[in-house]
PDB file of N, CA and C in Angstrom:
ATOM      1  N   UNK A   1     183.173 279.609  93.377  1.00  0.00           N
ATOM      2  CA  UNK A   1     183.052 278.571  94.145  1.00  0.00           C
ATOM      3  C   UNK A   1     183.976 278.357  95.178  1.00  0.00           C
ATOM      4  N   UNK A   2     185.422 278.536  94.774  1.00  0.00           N
ATOM      5  CA  UNK A   2     186.483 278.529  95.716  1.00  0.00           C
ATOM      6  C   UNK A   2     186.426 279.359  96.847  1.00  0.00           C
ATOM      7  N   UNK A   3     186.072 280.822  96.523  1.00  0.00           N
ATOM      8  CA  UNK A   3     185.957 281.727  97.526  1.00  0.00           C
ATOM      9  C   UNK A   3     185.169 281.160  98.791  1.00  0.00           C
ATOM     10  N   UNK A   4     183.874 280.511  98.311  1.00  0.00           N
ATOM     11  CA  UNK A   4     182.797 280.130  99.352  1.00  0.00           C
ATOM     12  C   UNK A   4     183.380 278.900 100.207  1.00  0.00           C
ATOM     13  N   UNK A   5     184.159 278.040  99.627  1.00  0.00           N
ATOM     14  CA  UNK A   5     184.645 277.012  99.976  1.00  0.00           C
ATOM     15  C   UNK A   5     185.890 277.490 101.154  1.00  0.00           C
ATOM     16  N   UNK A   6     186.681 278.369 100.863  1.00  0.00           N
ATOM     17  CA  UNK A   6     187.680 278.988 101.744  1.00  0.00           C
ATOM     18  C   UNK A   6     186.863 279.651 102.858  1.00  0.00           C
ATOM     19  N   UNK A   7     185.908 280.385 102.632  1.00  0.00           N
ATOM     20  CA  UNK A   7     185.068 281.196 103.592  1.00  0.00           C
ATOM     21  C   UNK A   7     184.568 280.078 104.540  1.00  0.00           C
ATOM     22  N   UNK A   8     183.836 279.115 104.132  1.00  0.00           N
ATOM     23  CA  UNK A   8     183.418 277.880 105.044  1.00  0.00           C
ATOM     24  C   UNK A   8     184.249 277.264 105.780  1.00  0.00           C
ATOM     25  N   UNK A   9     185.347 277.008 105.166  1.00  0.00           N
ATOM     26  CA  UNK A   9     186.628 276.349 105.927  1.00  0.00           C
ATOM     27  C   UNK A   9     187.111 277.180 107.022  1.00  0.00           C
ATOM     28  N   UNK A  10     187.227 278.614 106.752  1.00  0.00           N
ATOM     29  CA  UNK A  10     187.641 279.354 107.955  1.00  0.00           C
ATOM     30  C   UNK A  10     186.512 279.516 108.959  1.00  0.00           C
ATOM     31  N   UNK A  11     185.384 279.645 108.593  1.00  0.00           N
ATOM     32  CA  UNK A  11     184.195 279.742 109.704  1.00  0.00           C
ATOM     33  C   UNK A  11     184.339 278.477 110.653  1.00  0.00           C
ATOM     34  N   UNK A  12     184.641 277.325 109.899  1.00  0.00           N
ATOM     35  CA  UNK A  12     184.732 275.884 110.570  1.00  0.00           C
ATOM     36  C   UNK A  12     185.789 275.994 111.635  1.00  0.00           C
ATOM     37  N   UNK A  13     186.879 276.502 111.080  1.00  0.00           N
ATOM     38  CA  UNK A  13     188.147 276.388 112.001  1.00  0.00           C
ATOM     39  C   UNK A  13     187.978 277.303 113.054  1.00  0.00           C
ATOM     40  N   UNK A  14     187.165 278.546 112.958  1.00  0.00           N
ATOM     41  CA  UNK A  14     187.084 279.256 114.151  1.00  0.00           C
ATOM     42  C   UNK A  14     186.157 278.754 115.122  1.00  0.00           C
ATOM     43  N   UNK A  15     185.180 278.015 114.511  1.00  0.00           N
ATOM     44  CA  UNK A  15     184.049 277.481 115.471  1.00  0.00           C
ATOM     45  C   UNK A  15     184.735 276.426 116.291  1.00  0.00           C
ATOM     46  N   UNK A  16     185.580 275.423 115.611  1.00  0.00           N
ATOM     47  CA  UNK A  16     186.109 274.356 116.193  1.00  0.00           C
ATOM     48  C   UNK A  16     187.256 275.049 117.221  1.00  0.00           C
ATOM     49  N   UNK A  17     187.855 276.096 116.936  1.00  0.00           N
ATOM     50  CA  UNK A  17     188.843 276.695 117.866  1.00  0.00           C
ATOM     51  C   UNK A  17     188.165 277.355 119.181  1.00  0.00           C
ATOM     52  N   UNK A  18     186.899 277.900 118.916  1.00  0.00           N
ATOM     53  CA  UNK A  18     186.168 278.369 119.984  1.00  0.00           C
ATOM     54  C   UNK A  18     185.509 277.266 120.797  1.00  0.00           C
ATOM     55  N   UNK A  19     185.146 276.201 120.270  1.00  0.00           N
ATOM     56  CA  UNK A  19     184.669 275.026 120.951  1.00  0.00           C
ATOM     57  C   UNK A  19     185.816 274.359 121.817  1.00  0.00           C
ATOM     58  N   UNK A  20     187.076 274.190 121.180  1.00  0.00           N
ATOM     59  CA  UNK A  20     187.976 273.654 122.019  1.00  0.00           C
ATOM     60  C   UNK A  20     188.557 274.488 123.120  1.00  0.00           C
ATOM     61  N   UNK A  21     188.508 275.929 122.872  1.00  0.00           N
ATOM     62  CA  UNK A  21     188.960 276.926 124.037  1.00  0.00           C
ATOM     63  C   UNK A  21     187.906 276.796 125.073  1.00  0.00           C
ATOM     64  N   UNK A  22     186.612 276.742 124.772  1.00  0.00           N
ATOM     65  CA  UNK A  22     185.524 276.497 125.922  1.00  0.00           C
ATOM     66  C   UNK A  22     185.721 275.270 126.612  1.00  0.00           C
ATOM     67  N   UNK A  23     186.022 274.232 125.794  1.00  0.00           N
ATOM     68  CA  UNK A  23     186.140 272.929 126.555  1.00  0.00           C
ATOM     69  C   UNK A  23     187.301 272.961 127.481  1.00  0.00           C
ATOM     70  N   UNK A  24     188.449 273.554 127.142  1.00  0.00           N
ATOM     71  CA  UNK A  24     189.595 273.873 127.996  1.00  0.00           C
ATOM     72  C   UNK A  24     189.488 274.641 129.161  1.00  0.00           C
ATOM     73  N   UNK A  25     188.492 275.492 129.128  1.00  0.00           N
ATOM     74  CA  UNK A  25     188.070 276.339 130.095  1.00  0.00           C
ATOM     75  C   UNK A  25     187.341 275.466 131.300  1.00  0.00           C
ATOM     76  N   UNK A  26     186.257 274.675 130.525  1.00  0.00           N
ATOM     77  CA  UNK A  26     185.540 273.977 131.513  1.00  0.00           C
ATOM     78  C   UNK A  26     186.424 273.046 132.283  1.00  0.00           C
ATOM     79  N   UNK A  27     187.274 272.249 131.523  1.00  0.00           N
ATOM     80  CA  UNK A  27     188.279 271.477 132.292  1.00  0.00           C
ATOM     81  C   UNK A  27     189.111 271.983 133.209  1.00  0.00           C
ATOM     82  N   UNK A  28     189.620 273.201 133.100  1.00  0.00           N
ATOM     83  CA  UNK A  28     190.430 273.858 133.983  1.00  0.00           C
ATOM     84  C   UNK A  28     189.398 274.212 135.354  1.00  0.00           C
ATOM     85  N   UNK A  29     188.161 274.662 135.058  1.00  0.00           N
ATOM     86  CA  UNK A  29     187.315 275.015 136.336  1.00  0.00           C
ATOM     87  C   UNK A  29     187.005 273.771 137.113  1.00  0.00           C
ATOM     88  N   UNK A  30     187.018 272.494 136.489  1.00  0.00           N
ATOM     89  CA  UNK A  30     186.646 271.264 137.108  1.00  0.00           C
ATOM     90  C   UNK A  30     187.837 271.022 137.975  1.00  0.00           C
ATOM     91  N   UNK A  31     189.068 271.233 137.519  1.00  0.00           N
ATOM     92  CA  UNK A  31     190.175 270.695 138.156  1.00  0.00           C
ATOM     93  C   UNK A  31     190.347 271.813 139.229  1.00  0.00           C
ATOM     94  N   UNK A  32     190.017 273.096 139.108  1.00  0.00           N
ATOM     95  CA  UNK A  32     190.169 273.914 140.297  1.00  0.00           C
ATOM     96  C   UNK A  32     189.216 273.679 141.426  1.00  0.00           C
ATOM     97  N   UNK A  33     187.940 273.073 141.220  1.00  0.00           N
ATOM     98  CA  UNK A  33     187.148 272.903 142.101  1.00  0.00           C
ATOM     99  C   UNK A  33     187.515 271.851 143.311  1.00  0.00           C
ATOM    100  N   UNK A  34     187.157 272.114 144.527  1.00  0.00           N
ATOM    101  CA  UNK A  34     187.364 271.232 145.470  1.00  0.00           C
ATOM    102  C   UNK A  34     186.542 270.090 145.417  1.00  0.00           C
ATOM    103  N   UNK A  35     187.293 268.810 145.687  1.00  0.00           N
ATOM    104  CA  UNK A  35     186.502 267.552 145.353  1.00  0.00           C
ATOM    105  C   UNK A  35     185.554 266.972 146.437  1.00  0.00           C
ATOM    106  N   UNK A  36     185.929 267.515 147.700  1.00  0.00           N
ATOM    107  CA  UNK A  36     185.193 266.802 148.573  1.00  0.00           C
ATOM    108  C   UNK A  36     184.010 267.909 149.293  1.00  0.00           C
ATOM    109  N   UNK A  37     183.141 267.347 149.894  1.00  0.00           N
ATOM    110  CA  UNK A  37     182.149 268.298 150.356  1.00  0.00           C
ATOM    111  C   UNK A  37     182.662 269.129 151.768  1.00  0.00           C
ATOM    112  N   UNK A  38     183.606 268.346 152.424  1.00  0.00           N
ATOM    113  CA  UNK A  38     184.126 269.298 153.484  1.00  0.00           C
ATOM    114  C   UNK A  38     184.934 270.434 153.008  1.00  0.00           C
ATOM    115  N   UNK A  39     185.728 270.297 151.830  1.00  0.00           N
ATOM    116  CA  UNK A  39     186.545 271.177 151.291  1.00  0.00           C
ATOM    117  C   UNK A  39     185.478 272.433 150.650  1.00  0.00           C
ATOM    118  N   UNK A  40     184.349 271.999 150.219  1.00  0.00           N
ATOM    119  CA  UNK A  40     183.677 272.947 149.587  1.00  0.00           C
ATOM    120  C   UNK A  40     182.977 273.774 150.850  1.00  0.00           C
ATOM    121  N   UNK A  41     182.574 273.207 151.752  1.00  0.00           N
ATOM    122  CA  UNK A  41     181.950 273.721 153.015  1.00  0.00           C
ATOM    123  C   UNK A  41     182.926 274.696 153.721  1.00  0.00           C
ATOM    124  N   UNK A  42     184.335 274.228 153.906  1.00  0.00           N
ATOM    125  CA  UNK A  42     185.149 275.374 154.369  1.00  0.00           C
ATOM    126  C   UNK A  42     185.388 276.371 153.603  1.00  0.00           C
ATOM    127  N   UNK A  43     185.598 276.186 152.342  1.00  0.00           N
ATOM    128  CA  UNK A  43     185.767 277.375 151.308  1.00  0.00           C
ATOM    129  C   UNK A  43     184.798 278.230 151.460  1.00  0.00           C
ATOM    130  N   UNK A  44     183.566 277.766 151.519  1.00  0.00           N
ATOM    131  CA  UNK A  44     182.285 278.662 151.375  1.00  0.00           C
ATOM    132  C   UNK A  44     182.259 279.524 152.799  1.00  0.00           C
ATOM    133  N   UNK A  45     182.479 278.748 153.979  1.00  0.00           N
ATOM    134  CA  UNK A  45     182.503 279.653 155.076  1.00  0.00           C
ATOM    135  C   UNK A  45     183.588 280.648 155.220  1.00  0.00           C
ATOM    136  N   UNK A  46     184.936 280.238 154.688  1.00  0.00           N
ATOM    137  CA  UNK A  46     185.918 281.081 154.712  1.00  0.00           C
ATOM    138  C   UNK A  46     185.505 282.307 153.696  1.00  0.00           C
ATOM    139  N   UNK A  47     184.933 282.074 152.562  1.00  0.00           N
ATOM    140  CA  UNK A  47     184.727 283.220 151.793  1.00  0.00           C
ATOM    141  C   UNK A  47     183.405 284.054 152.291  1.00  0.00           C
ATOM    142  N   UNK A  48     182.544 283.574 152.926  1.00  0.00           N
ATOM    143  CA  UNK A  48     181.463 284.376 153.712  1.00  0.00           C
ATOM    144  C   UNK A  48     182.344 285.280 154.597  1.00  0.00           C
ATOM    145  N   UNK A  49     183.058 284.562 155.641  1.00  0.00           N
ATOM    146  CA  UNK A  49     183.843 285.464 156.480  1.00  0.00           C
ATOM    147  C   UNK A  49     184.594 286.629 156.060  1.00  0.00           C
ATOM    148  N   UNK A  50     185.264 286.342 154.881  1.00  0.00           N
ATOM    149  CA  UNK A  50     186.004 287.316 154.167  1.00  0.00           C
ATOM    150  C   UNK A  50     185.232 288.365 153.863  1.00  0.00           C
ATOM    151  N   UNK A  51     184.006 288.065 153.122  1.00  0.00           N
ATOM    152  CA  UNK A  51     183.142 289.010 152.587  1.00  0.00           C
ATOM    153  C   UNK A  51     182.611 289.875 153.746  1.00  0.00           C
ATOM    154  N   UNK A  52     182.348 289.192 154.887  1.00  0.00           N
ATOM    155  CA  UNK A  52     181.667 289.900 156.029  1.00  0.00           C
ATOM    156  C   UNK A  52     182.664 290.870 156.659  1.00  0.00           C
ATOM    157  N   UNK A  53     183.884 290.399 156.751  1.00  0.00           N
ATOM    158  CA  UNK A  53     185.020 291.354 157.342  1.00  0.00           C
ATOM    159  C   UNK A  53     185.260 292.464 156.461  1.00  0.00           C
ATOM    160  N   UNK A  54     185.267 292.174 155.044  1.00  0.00           N
ATOM    161  CA  UNK A  54     185.653 293.440 154.346  1.00  0.00           C
ATOM    162  C   UNK A  54     184.531 294.292 154.196  1.00  0.00           C
ATOM    163  N   UNK A  55     183.398 293.999 154.362  1.00  0.00           N
ATOM    164  CA  UNK A  55     182.150 294.955 154.109  1.00  0.00           C
ATOM    165  C   UNK A  55     181.846 295.623 155.674  1.00  0.00           C
ATOM    166  N   UNK A  56     182.215 294.959 156.651  1.00  0.00           N
ATOM    167  CA  UNK A  56     182.094 295.501 158.140  1.00  0.00           C
ATOM    168  C   UNK A  56     183.171 296.751 158.276  1.00  0.00           C
ATOM    169  N   UNK A  57     184.304 296.442 157.648  1.00  0.00           N
ATOM    170  CA  UNK A  57     185.153 297.432 157.933  1.00  0.00           C
ATOM    171  C   UNK A  57     185.223 298.801 157.153  1.00  0.00           C
ATOM    172  N   UNK A  58     184.599 298.755 156.239  1.00  0.00           N
ATOM    173  CA  UNK A  58     184.382 299.930 155.387  1.00  0.00           C
ATOM    174  C   UNK A  58     183.317 300.994 156.168  1.00  0.00           C
ATOM    175  N   UNK A  59     183.828 302.077 156.449  1.00  0.00           N
ATOM    176  CA  UNK A  59     183.066 303.008 157.368  1.00  0.00           C
ATOM    177  C   UNK A  59     181.874 303.720 156.382  1.00  0.00           C
ATOM    178  N   UNK A  60     182.121 303.893 155.236  1.00  0.00           N
ATOM    179  CA  UNK A  60     181.047 304.568 154.378  1.00  0.00           C
ATOM    180  C   UNK A  60     179.754 303.586 154.282  1.00  0.00           C
ATOM    181  N   UNK A  61     180.313 302.267 154.102  1.00  0.00           N
ATOM    182  CA  UNK A  61     179.001 301.398 154.166  1.00  0.00           C
ATOM    183  C   UNK A  61     178.178 301.368 155.416  1.00  0.00           C
ATOM    184  N   UNK A  62     178.956 301.249 156.559  1.00  0.00           N
ATOM    185  CA  UNK A  62     178.293 301.235 157.840  1.00  0.00           C
ATOM    186  C   UNK A  62     177.294 302.653 157.828  1.00  0.00           C
ATOM    187  N   UNK A  63     177.863 303.721 157.543  1.00  0.00           N
ATOM    188  CA  UNK A  63     177.187 305.019 157.773  1.00  0.00           C
ATOM    189  C   UNK A  63     175.860 304.856 156.633  1.00  0.00           C
ATOM    190  N   UNK A  64     175.916 304.380 155.657  1.00  0.00           N
ATOM    191  CA  UNK A  64     174.714 304.148 154.827  1.00  0.00           C
ATOM    192  C   UNK A  64     173.749 303.300 155.525  1.00  0.00           C
ATOM    193  N   UNK A  65     174.259 302.355 155.920  1.00  0.00           N
ATOM    194  CA  UNK A  65     173.295 301.265 156.744  1.00  0.00           C
ATOM    195  C   UNK A  65     172.534 301.896 157.891  1.00  0.00           C
ATOM    196  N   UNK A  66     173.373 302.642 158.571  1.00  0.00           N
ATOM    197  CA  UNK A  66     172.867 303.201 159.778  1.00  0.00           C
ATOM    198  C   UNK A  66     171.798 304.259 159.297  1.00  0.00           C
ATOM    199  N   UNK A  67     172.015 305.031 158.318  1.00  0.00           N
ATOM    200  CA  UNK A  67     170.887 305.908 157.759  1.00  0.00           C
ATOM    201  C   UNK A  67     169.765 305.349 157.534  1.00  0.00           C
ATOM    202  N   UNK A  68     169.894 304.241 156.604  1.00  0.00           N
ATOM    203  CA  UNK A  68     168.886 303.593 156.159  1.00  0.00           C
ATOM    204  C   UNK A  68     168.030 303.001 157.247  1.00  0.00           C
ATOM    205  N   UNK A  69     168.742 302.342 158.225  1.00  0.00           N
ATOM    206  CA  UNK A  69     167.871 301.911 159.431  1.00  0.00           C
ATOM    207  C   UNK A  69     167.175 302.918 160.068  1.00  0.00           C
ATOM    208  N   UNK A  70     167.840 304.089 160.490  1.00  0.00           N
ATOM    209  CA  UNK A  70     167.151 305.206 160.849  1.00  0.00           C
ATOM    210  C   UNK A  70     165.820 305.652 160.111  1.00  0.00           C
ATOM    211  N   UNK A  71     166.112 305.808 158.813  1.00  0.00           N
ATOM    212  CA  UNK A  71     164.984 306.150 158.036  1.00  0.00           C
ATOM    213  C   UNK A  71     163.934 305.110 158.253  1.00  0.00           C
ATOM    214  N   UNK A  72     164.228 303.882 158.204  1.00  0.00           N
ATOM    215  CA  UNK A  72     163.060 302.864 158.128  1.00  0.00           C
ATOM    216  C   UNK A  72     162.242 302.969 159.549  1.00  0.00           C
ATOM    217  N   UNK A  73     163.034 303.056 160.640  1.00  0.00           N
ATOM    218  CA  UNK A  73     162.539 303.153 161.997  1.00  0.00           C
ATOM    219  C   UNK A  73     161.581 304.309 161.886  1.00  0.00           C
ATOM    220  N   UNK A  74     161.872 305.510 161.298  1.00  0.00           N
ATOM    221  CA  UNK A  74     161.078 306.793 161.306  1.00  0.00           C
ATOM    222  C   UNK A  74     159.774 306.383 160.650  1.00  0.00           C
ATOM    223  N   UNK A  75     159.977 305.785 159.348  1.00  0.00           N
ATOM    224  CA  UNK A  75     158.747 305.478 158.754  1.00  0.00           C
ATOM    225  C   UNK A  75     157.762 304.691 159.375  1.00  0.00           C
ATOM    226  N   UNK A  76     158.341 303.599 159.980  1.00  0.00           N
ATOM    227  CA  UNK A  76     157.508 302.625 160.639  1.00  0.00           C
ATOM    228  C   UNK A  76     156.750 303.405 161.784  1.00  0.00           C
ATOM    229  N   UNK A  77     157.614 304.277 162.642  1.00  0.00           N
ATOM    230  CA  UNK A  77     156.829 304.776 163.698  1.00  0.00           C
ATOM    231  C   UNK A  77     155.796 305.737 163.203  1.00  0.00           C
ATOM    232  N   UNK A  78     156.019 306.340 162.219  1.00  0.00           N
ATOM    233  CA  UNK A  78     154.951 307.444 161.668  1.00  0.00           C
ATOM    234  C   UNK A  78     153.764 306.843 161.329  1.00  0.00           C
ATOM    235  N   UNK A  79     153.725 305.473 160.850  1.00  0.00           N
ATOM    236  CA  UNK A  79     152.553 304.643 160.332  1.00  0.00           C
ATOM    237  C   UNK A  79     151.885 303.994 161.585  1.00  0.00           C
TER     238      UNK A  79
END
């Protein structure tokens, strides 16, 4: 009976620790979020621009895109 009691206490302690950790992570995320709509919009625009710039500069991605575009054009013209 004592073994079972210790086992259940250990499980409870693990569960409480996990819930506490998840709560702390949620609190940190809400603190890190911008508070105003203007900040959110600016961050979103900046993120999109950074993403576009990083993708546009990679020559292998551009080559793949051009090849796909040419292939699609050829298929559309055939039909």
